[in-house]
Amino acid sequence: MIEDILGKMEDEDVTLDQSFDLYKQGIEQIKAANADLDRIEKAMLVINEDGELEEF
C-alpha cells in the first residue's frame, strides 16, 4: 500500500536509489487507483427514461 511505501521512504537508512524505486512504485499504485476510480465512476452512469446518461 502507498502508506507502506511512504513509511519506507521516511527511513533514514534508505538510499537515494531505493527512495527513487519506492517513488516509482508509489506512482504506479496511484495510477492504478485512479484508473479503478475512473472505471467505477463510468459504471455508475445509467440511462434515464429519456435515453440520456445520468449518475446512479
PDB file of N, CA and C in Angstrom:
ATOM      1  N   MET A   1       0.828  -1.181   0.000  1.00  0.00           N
ATOM      2  CA  MET A   1       0.000   0.000   0.000  1.00  0.00           C
ATOM      3  C   MET A   1       0.873   1.246   0.000  1.00  0.00           C
ATOM      4  N   ILE A   2       0.278   2.332  -0.396  1.00  0.00           N
ATOM      5  CA  ILE A   2       1.023   3.575  -0.502  1.00  0.00           C
ATOM      6  C   ILE A   2       1.576   4.017   0.858  1.00  0.00           C
ATOM      7  N   GLU A   3       0.847   3.723   1.937  1.00  0.00           N
ATOM      8  CA  GLU A   3       1.325   4.091   3.274  1.00  0.00           C
ATOM      9  C   GLU A   3       2.616   3.346   3.616  1.00  0.00           C
ATOM     10  N   ASP A   4       2.702   2.088   3.196  1.00  0.00           N
ATOM     11  CA  ASP A   4       3.913   1.300   3.441  1.00  0.00           C
ATOM     12  C   ASP A   4       5.102   1.901   2.702  1.00  0.00           C
ATOM     13  N   ILE A   5       4.859   2.311   1.468  1.00  0.00           N
ATOM     14  CA  ILE A   5       5.927   2.914   0.664  1.00  0.00           C
ATOM     15  C   ILE A   5       6.395   4.209   1.316  1.00  0.00           C
ATOM     16  N   LEU A   6       5.447   5.041   1.751  1.00  0.00           N
ATOM     17  CA  LEU A   6       5.818   6.297   2.405  1.00  0.00           C
ATOM     18  C   LEU A   6       6.629   6.047   3.667  1.00  0.00           C
ATOM     19  N   GLY A   7       6.224   5.038   4.434  1.00  0.00           N
ATOM     20  CA  GLY A   7       6.962   4.703   5.647  1.00  0.00           C
ATOM     21  C   GLY A   7       8.390   4.289   5.342  1.00  0.00           C
ATOM     22  N   LYS A   8       8.568   3.494   4.298  1.00  0.00           N
ATOM     23  CA  LYS A   8       9.913   3.065   3.916  1.00  0.00           C
ATOM     24  C   LYS A   8      10.748   4.246   3.437  1.00  0.00           C
ATOM     25  N   MET A   9      10.117   5.165   2.707  1.00  0.00           N
ATOM     26  CA  MET A   9      10.854   6.319   2.189  1.00  0.00           C
ATOM     27  C   MET A   9      11.327   7.235   3.316  1.00  0.00           C
ATOM     28  N   GLU A  10      10.606   7.237   4.431  1.00  0.00           N
ATOM     29  CA  GLU A  10      10.979   8.076   5.567  1.00  0.00           C
ATOM     30  C   GLU A  10      12.115   7.478   6.387  1.00  0.00           C
ATOM     31  N   ASP A  11      12.440   6.220   6.150  1.00  0.00           N
ATOM     32  CA  ASP A  11      13.525   5.552   6.871  1.00  0.00           C
ATOM     33  C   ASP A  11      14.851   6.177   6.454  1.00  0.00           C
ATOM     34  N   GLU A  12      15.619   6.631   7.424  1.00  0.00           N
ATOM     35  CA  GLU A  12      16.884   7.305   7.101  1.00  0.00           C
ATOM     36  C   GLU A  12      17.946   6.360   6.547  1.00  0.00           C
ATOM     37  N   ASP A  13      17.736   5.052   6.659  1.00  0.00           N
ATOM     38  CA  ASP A  13      18.690   4.081   6.120  1.00  0.00           C
ATOM     39  C   ASP A  13      18.452   3.773   4.646  1.00  0.00           C
ATOM     40  N   VAL A  14      17.376   4.298   4.074  1.00  0.00           N
ATOM     41  CA  VAL A  14      17.052   4.048   2.672  1.00  0.00           C
ATOM     42  C   VAL A  14      17.931   4.938   1.800  1.00  0.00           C
ATOM     43  N   THR A  15      18.559   4.321   0.805  1.00  0.00           N
ATOM     44  CA  THR A  15      19.432   5.079  -0.093  1.00  0.00           C
ATOM     45  C   THR A  15      18.603   5.902  -1.075  1.00  0.00           C
ATOM     46  N   LEU A  16      19.265   6.798  -1.767  1.00  0.00           N
ATOM     47  CA  LEU A  16      18.598   7.615  -2.769  1.00  0.00           C
ATOM     48  C   LEU A  16      18.021   6.737  -3.879  1.00  0.00           C
ATOM     49  N   ASP A  17      18.786   5.742  -4.323  1.00  0.00           N
ATOM     50  CA  ASP A  17      18.295   4.822  -5.355  1.00  0.00           C
ATOM     51  C   ASP A  17      17.064   4.055  -4.875  1.00  0.00           C
ATOM     52  N   GLN A  18      17.100   3.596  -3.639  1.00  0.00           N
ATOM     53  CA  GLN A  18      15.950   2.880  -3.088  1.00  0.00           C
ATOM     54  C   GLN A  18      14.736   3.801  -2.990  1.00  0.00           C
ATOM     55  N   SER A  19      14.969   5.035  -2.574  1.00  0.00           N
ATOM     56  CA  SER A  19      13.875   6.007  -2.490  1.00  0.00           C
ATOM     57  C   SER A  19      13.250   6.242  -3.854  1.00  0.00           C
ATOM     58  N   PHE A  20      14.084   6.338  -4.877  1.00  0.00           N
ATOM     59  CA  PHE A  20      13.570   6.552  -6.228  1.00  0.00           C
ATOM     60  C   PHE A  20      12.741   5.357  -6.686  1.00  0.00           C
ATOM     61  N   ASP A  21      13.217   4.140  -6.396  1.00  0.00           N
ATOM     62  CA  ASP A  21      12.451   2.935  -6.741  1.00  0.00           C
ATOM     63  C   ASP A  21      11.111   2.907  -5.998  1.00  0.00           C
ATOM     64  N   LEU A  22      11.132   3.267  -4.725  1.00  0.00           N
ATOM     65  CA  LEU A  22       9.895   3.321  -3.948  1.00  0.00           C
ATOM     66  C   LEU A  22       8.945   4.377  -4.512  1.00  0.00           C
ATOM     67  N   TYR A  23       9.498   5.511  -4.905  1.00  0.00           N
ATOM     68  CA  TYR A  23       8.697   6.581  -5.506  1.00  0.00           C
ATOM     69  C   TYR A  23       7.995   6.074  -6.764  1.00  0.00           C
ATOM     70  N   LYS A  24       8.748   5.369  -7.619  1.00  0.00           N
ATOM     71  CA  LYS A  24       8.157   4.830  -8.849  1.00  0.00           C
ATOM     72  C   LYS A  24       7.041   3.834  -8.526  1.00  0.00           C
ATOM     73  N   GLN A  25       7.256   2.998  -7.509  1.00  0.00           N
ATOM     74  CA  GLN A  25       6.219   2.047  -7.101  1.00  0.00           C
ATOM     75  C   GLN A  25       4.967   2.787  -6.628  1.00  0.00           C
ATOM     76  N   GLY A  26       5.173   3.844  -5.874  1.00  0.00           N
ATOM     77  CA  GLY A  26       4.046   4.636  -5.383  1.00  0.00           C
ATOM     78  C   GLY A  26       3.267   5.273  -6.514  1.00  0.00           C
ATOM     79  N   ILE A  27       3.975   5.813  -7.491  1.00  0.00           N
ATOM     80  CA  ILE A  27       3.317   6.430  -8.645  1.00  0.00           C
ATOM     81  C   ILE A  27       2.487   5.389  -9.392  1.00  0.00           C
ATOM     82  N   GLU A  28       3.019   4.191  -9.572  1.00  0.00           N
ATOM     83  CA  GLU A  28       2.278   3.129 -10.261  1.00  0.00           C
ATOM     84  C   GLU A  28       1.014   2.746  -9.486  1.00  0.00           C
ATOM     85  N   GLN A  29       1.114   2.691  -8.161  1.00  0.00           N
ATOM     86  CA  GLN A  29      -0.066   2.371  -7.356  1.00  0.00           C
ATOM     87  C   GLN A  29      -1.121   3.470  -7.463  1.00  0.00           C
ATOM     88  N   ILE A  30      -0.688   4.714  -7.477  1.00  0.00           N
ATOM     89  CA  ILE A  30      -1.625   5.834  -7.608  1.00  0.00           C
ATOM     90  C   ILE A  30      -2.296   5.807  -8.977  1.00  0.00           C
ATOM     91  N   LYS A  31      -1.528   5.527 -10.025  1.00  0.00           N
ATOM     92  CA  LYS A  31      -2.112   5.427 -11.372  1.00  0.00           C
ATOM     93  C   LYS A  31      -3.158   4.322 -11.428  1.00  0.00           C
ATOM     94  N   ALA A  32      -2.853   3.180 -10.825  1.00  0.00           N
ATOM     95  CA  ALA A  32      -3.798   2.060 -10.825  1.00  0.00           C
ATOM     96  C   ALA A  32      -5.065   2.419 -10.049  1.00  0.00           C
ATOM     97  N   ALA A  33      -4.907   3.099  -8.924  1.00  0.00           N
ATOM     98  CA  ALA A  33      -6.071   3.503  -8.133  1.00  0.00           C
ATOM     99  C   ALA A  33      -6.931   4.493  -8.907  1.00  0.00           C
ATOM    100  N   ASN A  34      -6.302   5.443  -9.594  1.00  0.00           N
ATOM    101  CA  ASN A  34      -7.053   6.410 -10.396  1.00  0.00           C
ATOM    102  C   ASN A  34      -7.797   5.726 -11.537  1.00  0.00           C
ATOM    103  N   ALA A  35      -7.171   4.746 -12.161  1.00  0.00           N
ATOM    104  CA  ALA A  35      -7.828   4.009 -13.243  1.00  0.00           C
ATOM    105  C   ALA A  35      -9.039   3.244 -12.705  1.00  0.00           C
ATOM    106  N   ASP A  36      -8.893   2.649 -11.528  1.00  0.00           N
ATOM    107  CA  ASP A  36     -10.018   1.942 -10.906  1.00  0.00           C
ATOM    108  C   ASP A  36     -11.166   2.904 -10.606  1.00  0.00           C
ATOM    109  N   LEU A  37     -10.837   4.072 -10.069  1.00  0.00           N
ATOM    110  CA  LEU A  37     -11.873   5.061  -9.769  1.00  0.00           C
ATOM    111  C   LEU A  37     -12.593   5.518 -11.028  1.00  0.00           C
ATOM    112  N   ASP A  38     -11.843   5.768 -12.090  1.00  0.00           N
ATOM    113  CA  ASP A  38     -12.458   6.172 -13.358  1.00  0.00           C
ATOM    114  C   ASP A  38     -13.410   5.096 -13.866  1.00  0.00           C
ATOM    115  N   ARG A  39     -12.967   3.844 -13.801  1.00  0.00           N
ATOM    116  CA  ARG A  39     -13.793   2.730 -14.265  1.00  0.00           C
ATOM    117  C   ARG A  39     -15.071   2.628 -13.440  1.00  0.00           C
ATOM    118  N   ILE A  40     -14.953   2.776 -12.142  1.00  0.00           N
ATOM    119  CA  ILE A  40     -16.112   2.674 -11.258  1.00  0.00           C
ATOM    120  C   ILE A  40     -17.075   3.835 -11.499  1.00  0.00           C
ATOM    121  N   GLU A  41     -16.532   5.047 -11.669  1.00  0.00           N
ATOM    122  CA  GLU A  41     -17.394   6.203 -11.933  1.00  0.00           C
ATOM    123  C   GLU A  41     -18.172   6.021 -13.232  1.00  0.00           C
ATOM    124  N   LYS A  42     -17.536   5.483 -14.248  1.00  0.00           N
ATOM    125  CA  LYS A  42     -18.221   5.247 -15.517  1.00  0.00           C
ATOM    126  C   LYS A  42     -19.297   4.179 -15.368  1.00  0.00           C
ATOM    127  N   ALA A  43     -19.040   3.186 -14.540  1.00  0.00           N
ATOM    128  CA  ALA A  43     -20.019   2.129 -14.323  1.00  0.00           C
ATOM    129  C   ALA A  43     -21.229   2.642 -13.550  1.00  0.00           C
ATOM    130  N   MET A  44     -21.071   3.749 -12.853  1.00  0.00           N
ATOM    131  CA  MET A  44     -22.157   4.299 -12.056  1.00  0.00           C
ATOM    132  C   MET A  44     -23.111   5.165 -12.874  1.00  0.00           C
ATOM    133  N   LEU A  45     -22.867   5.307 -14.168  1.00  0.00           N
ATOM    134  CA  LEU A  45     -23.773   6.050 -15.029  1.00  0.00           C
ATOM    135  C   LEU A  45     -24.867   5.122 -15.531  1.00  0.00           C
ATOM    136  N   VAL A  46     -26.087   5.616 -15.564  1.00  0.00           N
ATOM    137  CA  VAL A  46     -27.217   4.836 -16.058  1.00  0.00           C
ATOM    138  C   VAL A  46     -27.963   5.655 -17.104  1.00  0.00           C
ATOM    139  N   ILE A  47     -28.735   4.967 -17.909  1.00  0.00           N
ATOM    140  CA  ILE A  47     -29.540   5.652 -18.917  1.00  0.00           C
ATOM    141  C   ILE A  47     -30.924   5.906 -18.318  1.00  0.00           C
ATOM    142  N   ASN A  48     -31.360   7.188 -18.342  1.00  0.00           N
ATOM    143  CA  ASN A  48     -32.686   7.510 -17.816  1.00  0.00           C
ATOM    144  C   ASN A  48     -33.757   7.230 -18.864  1.00  0.00           C
ATOM    145  N   GLU A  49     -35.010   7.486 -18.543  1.00  0.00           N
ATOM    146  CA  GLU A  49     -36.103   7.155 -19.461  1.00  0.00           C
ATOM    147  C   GLU A  49     -36.097   7.991 -20.734  1.00  0.00           C
ATOM    148  N   ASP A  50     -35.343   9.116 -20.750  1.00  0.00           N
ATOM    149  CA  ASP A  50     -35.210   9.923 -21.963  1.00  0.00           C
ATOM    150  C   ASP A  50     -34.043   9.458 -22.827  1.00  0.00           C
ATOM    151  N   GLY A  51     -33.371   8.408 -22.393  1.00  0.00           N
ATOM    152  CA  GLY A  51     -32.235   7.887 -23.143  1.00  0.00           C
ATOM    153  C   GLY A  51     -30.944   8.637 -22.892  1.00  0.00           C
ATOM    154  N   GLU A  52     -30.913   9.439 -21.836  1.00  0.00           N
ATOM    155  CA  GLU A  52     -29.717  10.212 -21.505  1.00  0.00           C
ATOM    156  C   GLU A  52     -28.980   9.543 -20.349  1.00  0.00           C
ATOM    157  N   LEU A  53     -27.666   9.745 -20.325  1.00  0.00           N
ATOM    158  CA  LEU A  53     -26.864   9.210 -19.226  1.00  0.00           C
ATOM    159  C   LEU A  53     -26.990  10.119 -18.017  1.00  0.00           C
ATOM    160  N   GLU A  54     -27.119   9.509 -16.868  1.00  0.00           N
ATOM    161  CA  GLU A  54     -27.114  10.278 -15.628  1.00  0.00           C
ATOM    162  C   GLU A  54     -26.436   9.442 -14.559  1.00  0.00           C
ATOM    163  N   GLU A  55     -25.991  10.120 -13.505  1.00  0.00           N
ATOM    164  CA  GLU A  55     -25.329   9.405 -12.420  1.00  0.00           C
ATOM    165  C   GLU A  55     -26.334   8.565 -11.668  1.00  0.00           C
ATOM    166  N   PHE A  56     -25.880   7.422 -11.208  1.00  0.00           N
ATOM    167  CA  PHE A  56     -26.726   6.489 -10.478  1.00  0.00           C
ATOM    168  C   PHE A  56     -26.891   6.961  -9.063  1.00  0.00           C
TER     169      PHE A  56
END
